[in-house]
Amino acid sequence: MKKLLIVDDAAFMRVSIRNMLQNQDIEIVGEAANGLIAVSMYKELRPDVVTMDITMPEMSGIEALKLIKAFDPQAKVIMVSSMGQEGMVKQAIISGAKTFIVKPFKEELLHKTISKVLGV
């Protein structure tokens, strides 16, 4: 079973992603409310994939992405952005994100994106 870390400062978004994935072959190993916690949890839990919000307190998703990629160049991170963050999405891809999903998104898109990134 593949392991996933959900990173978003909005609790409802973390719950939403968790609910969308409950019938999939994915184990949610952790949830983080900011990039600082995400980096620490990534190092401890070593998930197969991460969904990472871009705009968060303490440390942005892009900063966290850079630290995670420095720790593990093979890390698979899917950036989750709100509409109108195209510039940040480009910066995230340059920084090593595998792809991105724009909020709000449908369950099917989340499943397809995770499967594609994991190569399953």
C-alpha atoms as a PDB file:
ATOM      1  CA  MET A   1       0.000   0.000   0.000  1.00  0.00           C
ATOM      2  CA  LYS A   2       1.334   3.431  -0.966  1.00  0.00           C
ATOM      3  CA  LYS A   3       1.750   6.070   1.747  1.00  0.00           C
ATOM      4  CA  LEU A   4       0.485   9.656   1.414  1.00  0.00           C
ATOM      5  CA  LEU A   5       1.164  12.806   3.433  1.00  0.00           C
ATOM      6  CA  ILE A   6      -1.492  15.547   3.167  1.00  0.00           C
ATOM      7  CA  VAL A   7      -0.259  19.116   3.676  1.00  0.00           C
ATOM      8  CA  ASP A   8      -2.761  21.997   3.814  1.00  0.00           C
ATOM      9  CA  ASP A   9      -3.414  24.725   6.358  1.00  0.00           C
ATOM     10  CA  ALA A  10      -7.186  24.303   5.907  1.00  0.00           C
ATOM     11  CA  ALA A  11      -8.484  21.419   8.031  1.00  0.00           C
ATOM     12  CA  PHE A  12     -11.525  20.994   5.753  1.00  0.00           C
ATOM     13  CA  MET A  13      -9.197  20.486   2.767  1.00  0.00           C
ATOM     14  CA  ARG A  14      -7.189  17.812   4.599  1.00  0.00           C
ATOM     15  CA  VAL A  15     -10.440  16.047   5.552  1.00  0.00           C
ATOM     16  CA  SER A  16     -11.717  16.374   1.992  1.00  0.00           C
ATOM     17  CA  ILE A  17      -8.586  14.779   0.497  1.00  0.00           C
ATOM     18  CA  ARG A  18      -8.657  12.030   3.149  1.00  0.00           C
ATOM     19  CA  ASN A  19     -12.317  11.277   2.336  1.00  0.00           C
ATOM     20  CA  MET A  20     -11.651  11.245  -1.412  1.00  0.00           C
ATOM     21  CA  LEU A  21      -8.947   8.609  -0.912  1.00  0.00           C
ATOM     22  CA  GLN A  22     -10.588   6.368   1.689  1.00  0.00           C
ATOM     23  CA  ASN A  23     -11.539   3.647  -0.823  1.00  0.00           C
ATOM     24  CA  GLN A  24      -8.208   3.720  -2.649  1.00  0.00           C
ATOM     25  CA  ASP A  25      -5.139   1.567  -2.072  1.00  0.00           C
ATOM     26  CA  ILE A  26      -3.462   4.464  -0.246  1.00  0.00           C
ATOM     27  CA  GLU A  27      -2.606   4.844   3.413  1.00  0.00           C
ATOM     28  CA  ILE A  28      -2.768   8.400   4.776  1.00  0.00           C
ATOM     29  CA  VAL A  29       0.279   8.349   7.058  1.00  0.00           C
ATOM     30  CA  GLY A  30       0.043  11.948   8.218  1.00  0.00           C
ATOM     31  CA  GLU A  31      -1.389  15.417   7.904  1.00  0.00           C
ATOM     32  CA  ALA A  32       0.424  18.724   8.300  1.00  0.00           C
ATOM     33  CA  ALA A  33      -1.018  22.229   8.616  1.00  0.00           C
ATOM     34  CA  ASN A  34       2.087  24.061   7.368  1.00  0.00           C
ATOM     35  CA  GLY A  35       5.315  23.529   5.464  1.00  0.00           C
ATOM     36  CA  LEU A  36       7.498  23.421   8.567  1.00  0.00           C
ATOM     37  CA  ILE A  37       5.574  20.471   9.993  1.00  0.00           C
ATOM     38  CA  ALA A  38       5.445  18.869   6.531  1.00  0.00           C
ATOM     39  CA  VAL A  39       9.230  18.755   6.177  1.00  0.00           C
ATOM     40  CA  SER A  40       9.620  17.164   9.607  1.00  0.00           C
ATOM     41  CA  MET A  41       6.856  14.626   8.931  1.00  0.00           C
ATOM     42  CA  TYR A  42       8.287  13.772   5.501  1.00  0.00           C
ATOM     43  CA  LYS A  43      11.657  12.939   7.046  1.00  0.00           C
ATOM     44  CA  GLU A  44      10.019  10.801   9.734  1.00  0.00           C
ATOM     45  CA  LEU A  45       7.319   9.038   7.686  1.00  0.00           C
ATOM     46  CA  ARG A  46       8.937   8.807   4.217  1.00  0.00           C
ATOM     47  CA  PRO A  47       5.635   8.808   2.283  1.00  0.00           C
ATOM     48  CA  ASP A  48       5.460   7.686  -1.349  1.00  0.00           C
ATOM     49  CA  VAL A  49       3.617  10.859  -2.350  1.00  0.00           C
ATOM     50  CA  VAL A  50       2.706  14.238  -0.831  1.00  0.00           C
ATOM     51  CA  THR A  51      -0.163  16.596  -1.635  1.00  0.00           C
ATOM     52  CA  MET A  52       1.155  20.074  -0.775  1.00  0.00           C
ATOM     53  CA  ASP A  53      -0.797  23.319  -0.563  1.00  0.00           C
ATOM     54  CA  ILE A  54       1.175  26.330  -1.784  1.00  0.00           C
ATOM     55  CA  THR A  55       0.008  29.139   0.494  1.00  0.00           C
ATOM     56  CA  MET A  56       0.397  28.299   4.189  1.00  0.00           C
ATOM     57  CA  PRO A  57       1.582  29.986   7.400  1.00  0.00           C
ATOM     58  CA  GLU A  58       5.020  29.341   8.958  1.00  0.00           C
ATOM     59  CA  MET A  59       6.520  28.012   5.703  1.00  0.00           C
ATOM     60  CA  SER A  60       5.030  27.997   2.205  1.00  0.00           C
ATOM     61  CA  GLY A  61       4.517  24.841   0.214  1.00  0.00           C
ATOM     62  CA  ILE A  62       7.244  25.904  -2.215  1.00  0.00           C
ATOM     63  CA  GLU A  63       9.790  26.381   0.582  1.00  0.00           C
ATOM     64  CA  ALA A  64       8.792  23.008   2.059  1.00  0.00           C
ATOM     65  CA  LEU A  65       9.044  21.387  -1.381  1.00  0.00           C
ATOM     66  CA  LYS A  66      12.608  22.663  -1.790  1.00  0.00           C
ATOM     67  CA  LEU A  67      13.635  21.289   1.629  1.00  0.00           C
ATOM     68  CA  ILE A  68      11.962  17.932   0.967  1.00  0.00           C
ATOM     69  CA  LYS A  69      13.669  17.641  -2.439  1.00  0.00           C
ATOM     70  CA  ALA A  70      17.027  18.536  -0.855  1.00  0.00           C
ATOM     71  CA  PHE A  71      16.474  15.735   1.682  1.00  0.00           C
ATOM     72  CA  ASP A  72      15.094  13.263  -0.885  1.00  0.00           C
ATOM     73  CA  PRO A  73      15.635  14.109  -4.572  1.00  0.00           C
ATOM     74  CA  GLN A  74      13.215  11.278  -5.495  1.00  0.00           C
ATOM     75  CA  ALA A  75      10.324  12.776  -3.484  1.00  0.00           C
ATOM     76  CA  LYS A  76       6.998  12.840  -5.331  1.00  0.00           C
ATOM     77  CA  VAL A  77       5.119  16.027  -4.465  1.00  0.00           C
ATOM     78  CA  ILE A  78       1.826  17.148  -6.009  1.00  0.00           C
ATOM     79  CA  MET A  79       1.210  20.850  -5.462  1.00  0.00           C
ATOM     80  CA  VAL A  80      -2.345  21.913  -4.698  1.00  0.00           C
ATOM     81  CA  SER A  81      -3.102  25.506  -5.637  1.00  0.00           C
ATOM     82  CA  SER A  82      -6.020  27.897  -5.719  1.00  0.00           C
ATOM     83  CA  MET A  83      -7.101  29.583  -8.904  1.00  0.00           C
ATOM     84  CA  GLY A  84      -4.893  32.517  -9.829  1.00  0.00           C
ATOM     85  CA  GLN A  85      -1.614  31.079  -8.525  1.00  0.00           C
ATOM     86  CA  GLU A  86      -0.137  30.234 -11.933  1.00  0.00           C
ATOM     87  CA  GLY A  87       3.161  31.989 -11.182  1.00  0.00           C
ATOM     88  CA  MET A  88       3.585  30.009  -7.974  1.00  0.00           C
ATOM     89  CA  VAL A  89       2.698  26.764  -9.766  1.00  0.00           C
ATOM     90  CA  LYS A  90       5.483  27.399 -12.306  1.00  0.00           C
ATOM     91  CA  GLN A  91       7.894  28.086  -9.452  1.00  0.00           C
ATOM     92  CA  ALA A  92       6.804  24.826  -7.778  1.00  0.00           C
ATOM     93  CA  ILE A  93       7.411  22.788 -10.946  1.00  0.00           C
ATOM     94  CA  ILE A  94      10.856  24.382 -11.356  1.00  0.00           C
ATOM     95  CA  SER A  95      11.530  23.523  -7.694  1.00  0.00           C
ATOM     96  CA  GLY A  96      10.769  19.848  -8.271  1.00  0.00           C
ATOM     97  CA  ALA A  97       7.025  19.269  -7.929  1.00  0.00           C
ATOM     98  CA  LYS A  98       5.808  16.418 -10.136  1.00  0.00           C
ATOM     99  CA  THR A  99       2.565  18.171 -11.085  1.00  0.00           C
ATOM    100  CA  PHE A 100      -0.224  20.276  -9.645  1.00  0.00           C
ATOM    101  CA  ILE A 101      -3.968  20.263  -9.050  1.00  0.00           C
ATOM    102  CA  VAL A 102      -6.051  23.448  -8.978  1.00  0.00           C
ATOM    103  CA  LYS A 103      -8.629  23.845  -6.188  1.00  0.00           C
ATOM    104  CA  PRO A 104     -11.446  23.049  -6.174  1.00  0.00           C
ATOM    105  CA  PHE A 105     -10.935  19.626  -7.745  1.00  0.00           C
ATOM    106  CA  LYS A 106     -12.986  16.484  -8.200  1.00  0.00           C
ATOM    107  CA  GLU A 107     -12.213  13.122  -6.617  1.00  0.00           C
ATOM    108  CA  GLU A 108     -11.523  11.531 -10.004  1.00  0.00           C
ATOM    109  CA  LEU A 109      -8.808  14.094 -10.821  1.00  0.00           C
ATOM    110  CA  LEU A 110      -7.100  13.475  -7.475  1.00  0.00           C
ATOM    111  CA  HIS A 111      -7.100   9.694  -8.061  1.00  0.00           C
ATOM    112  CA  LYS A 112      -5.762  10.031 -11.625  1.00  0.00           C
ATOM    113  CA  THR A 113      -3.045  12.481 -10.598  1.00  0.00           C
ATOM    114  CA  ILE A 114      -1.804  10.361  -7.696  1.00  0.00           C
ATOM    115  CA  SER A 115      -1.819   7.211  -9.841  1.00  0.00           C
ATOM    116  CA  LYS A 116       0.113   8.977 -12.598  1.00  0.00           C
ATOM    117  CA  VAL A 117       2.738  10.337 -10.191  1.00  0.00           C
ATOM    118  CA  LEU A 118       3.153   6.925  -8.550  1.00  0.00           C
ATOM    119  CA  GLY A 119       3.245   5.161 -11.919  1.00  0.00           C
ATOM    120  CA  VAL A 120       0.413   2.761 -11.066  1.00  0.00           C
END
